[in-house]
Amino acid sequence: MLVIGEKIHVLNTVVYEEMVPEVKTLIGLSTISQGIHKKNRSVINNTALGVMTGAGLDAAILNPLDRLVMETVKTEKLLCSNGIYCDAYLCG
């Protein structure tokens, strides 16, 4: 299980990657919420994904069946340059 200091270290690594573009970052999202009660894991994973994506995370290993996390992925695409044509998300 990651403790708070380690989680901050992970986020600092993601931010540092922005200064060295040839370095890519990847995280196993479930490690963020390991040891947390199951009902809270989705919220924690979702929030961590949003924060780390905003800090420059390149890729994440995540549960594609977690609706909240997948909505975050779609919203991130909408808000970033990949969401130019987002009719399907906005209308469906």
Protein backbone atom coordinates (compact mmCIF):
# COMPACT_ATOMS: atom_id res chain seq x y z
CA MET A 1 0.00 0.00 0.00
CA LEU A 2 1.27 3.48 -0.84
CA VAL A 3 1.41 5.90 2.05
CA ILE A 4 0.76 9.63 1.68
CA GLY A 5 4.44 10.55 1.20
CA GLU A 6 4.83 7.97 -1.55
CA LYS A 7 1.70 9.23 -3.30
CA ILE A 8 3.09 12.76 -3.31
CA HIS A 9 6.37 11.36 -4.67
CA VAL A 10 4.44 9.71 -7.52
CA LEU A 11 2.73 12.99 -8.36
CA ASN A 12 6.05 14.86 -8.23
CA THR A 13 7.48 12.31 -10.66
CA VAL A 14 4.60 12.95 -13.07
CA VAL A 15 5.19 16.71 -12.83
CA TYR A 16 8.96 16.23 -13.34
CA GLU A 17 8.23 14.28 -16.52
CA GLU A 18 6.88 17.49 -18.04
CA MET A 19 10.39 18.97 -17.78
CA VAL A 20 11.94 15.95 -19.54
CA PRO A 21 9.52 15.14 -22.40
CA GLU A 22 11.30 11.96 -23.54
CA VAL A 23 10.42 10.32 -20.20
CA LYS A 24 6.94 8.74 -20.17
CA THR A 25 4.90 7.97 -17.06
CA LEU A 26 2.58 5.04 -16.36
CA ILE A 27 0.76 4.10 -13.17
CA GLY A 28 -1.30 1.14 -12.04
CA LEU A 29 -4.27 3.12 -10.77
CA SER A 30 -5.44 0.52 -8.26
CA THR A 31 -2.21 0.89 -6.28
CA ILE A 32 -3.36 4.36 -5.25
CA SER A 33 -6.38 2.99 -3.39
CA GLN A 34 -4.95 -0.33 -2.24
CA GLY A 35 -6.10 -1.12 1.29
CA ILE A 36 -9.04 1.32 1.12
CA HIS A 37 -12.61 0.06 1.64
CA LYS A 38 -14.04 -1.17 -1.69
CA LYS A 39 -16.90 1.36 -1.80
CA ASN A 40 -14.40 4.27 -1.71
CA ARG A 41 -11.83 2.93 -4.18
CA SER A 42 -13.57 4.20 -7.32
CA VAL A 43 -13.78 7.76 -6.00
CA ILE A 44 -10.13 7.74 -4.95
CA ASN A 45 -8.98 6.23 -8.25
CA ASN A 46 -11.10 8.71 -10.18
CA THR A 47 -9.72 11.70 -8.30
CA ALA A 48 -6.14 10.47 -8.57
CA LEU A 49 -6.54 9.91 -12.30
CA GLY A 50 -7.84 13.45 -12.79
CA VAL A 51 -5.04 15.01 -10.74
CA MET A 52 -2.29 12.97 -12.38
CA THR A 53 -3.65 13.46 -15.89
CA GLY A 54 -3.66 17.19 -15.26
CA ALA A 55 -0.04 16.93 -14.07
CA GLY A 56 1.01 15.15 -17.27
CA LEU A 57 0.48 11.42 -16.74
CA ASP A 58 0.95 9.59 -20.05
CA ALA A 59 -0.85 6.29 -19.37
CA ALA A 60 -2.67 4.38 -16.66
CA ILE A 61 -3.52 0.76 -16.08
CA LEU A 62 -7.12 0.91 -14.87
CA ASN A 63 -10.34 -1.02 -14.55
CA PRO A 64 -12.36 -0.41 -17.75
CA LEU A 65 -15.50 -1.63 -15.94
CA ASP A 66 -15.30 1.20 -13.38
CA ARG A 67 -17.87 3.65 -14.78
CA LEU A 68 -16.67 6.63 -12.74
CA VAL A 69 -13.06 6.23 -13.86
CA MET A 70 -14.11 5.75 -17.50
CA GLU A 71 -16.23 8.91 -17.36
CA THR A 72 -13.12 10.73 -16.14
CA VAL A 73 -11.18 9.39 -19.12
CA LYS A 74 -13.89 10.60 -21.52
CA THR A 75 -14.11 13.99 -19.85
CA GLU A 76 -10.34 14.40 -19.95
CA LYS A 77 -10.42 13.76 -23.70
CA LEU A 78 -13.23 16.31 -24.03
CA LEU A 79 -11.32 18.99 -22.14
CA CYS A 80 -8.00 18.36 -23.85
CA SER A 81 -7.06 18.64 -27.51
CA ASN A 82 -8.34 15.13 -28.32
CA GLY A 83 -11.95 16.21 -27.82
CA ILE A 84 -12.47 18.46 -30.82
CA TYR A 85 -15.42 16.42 -32.10
CA CYS A 86 -17.18 15.34 -28.92
CA ASP A 87 -20.79 15.08 -30.10
CA ALA A 88 -21.12 11.45 -28.97
CA TYR A 89 -20.08 12.33 -25.43
CA LEU A 90 -22.21 15.45 -25.14
CA CYS A 91 -25.33 13.92 -26.73
CA GLY A 92 -25.13 10.36 -25.47
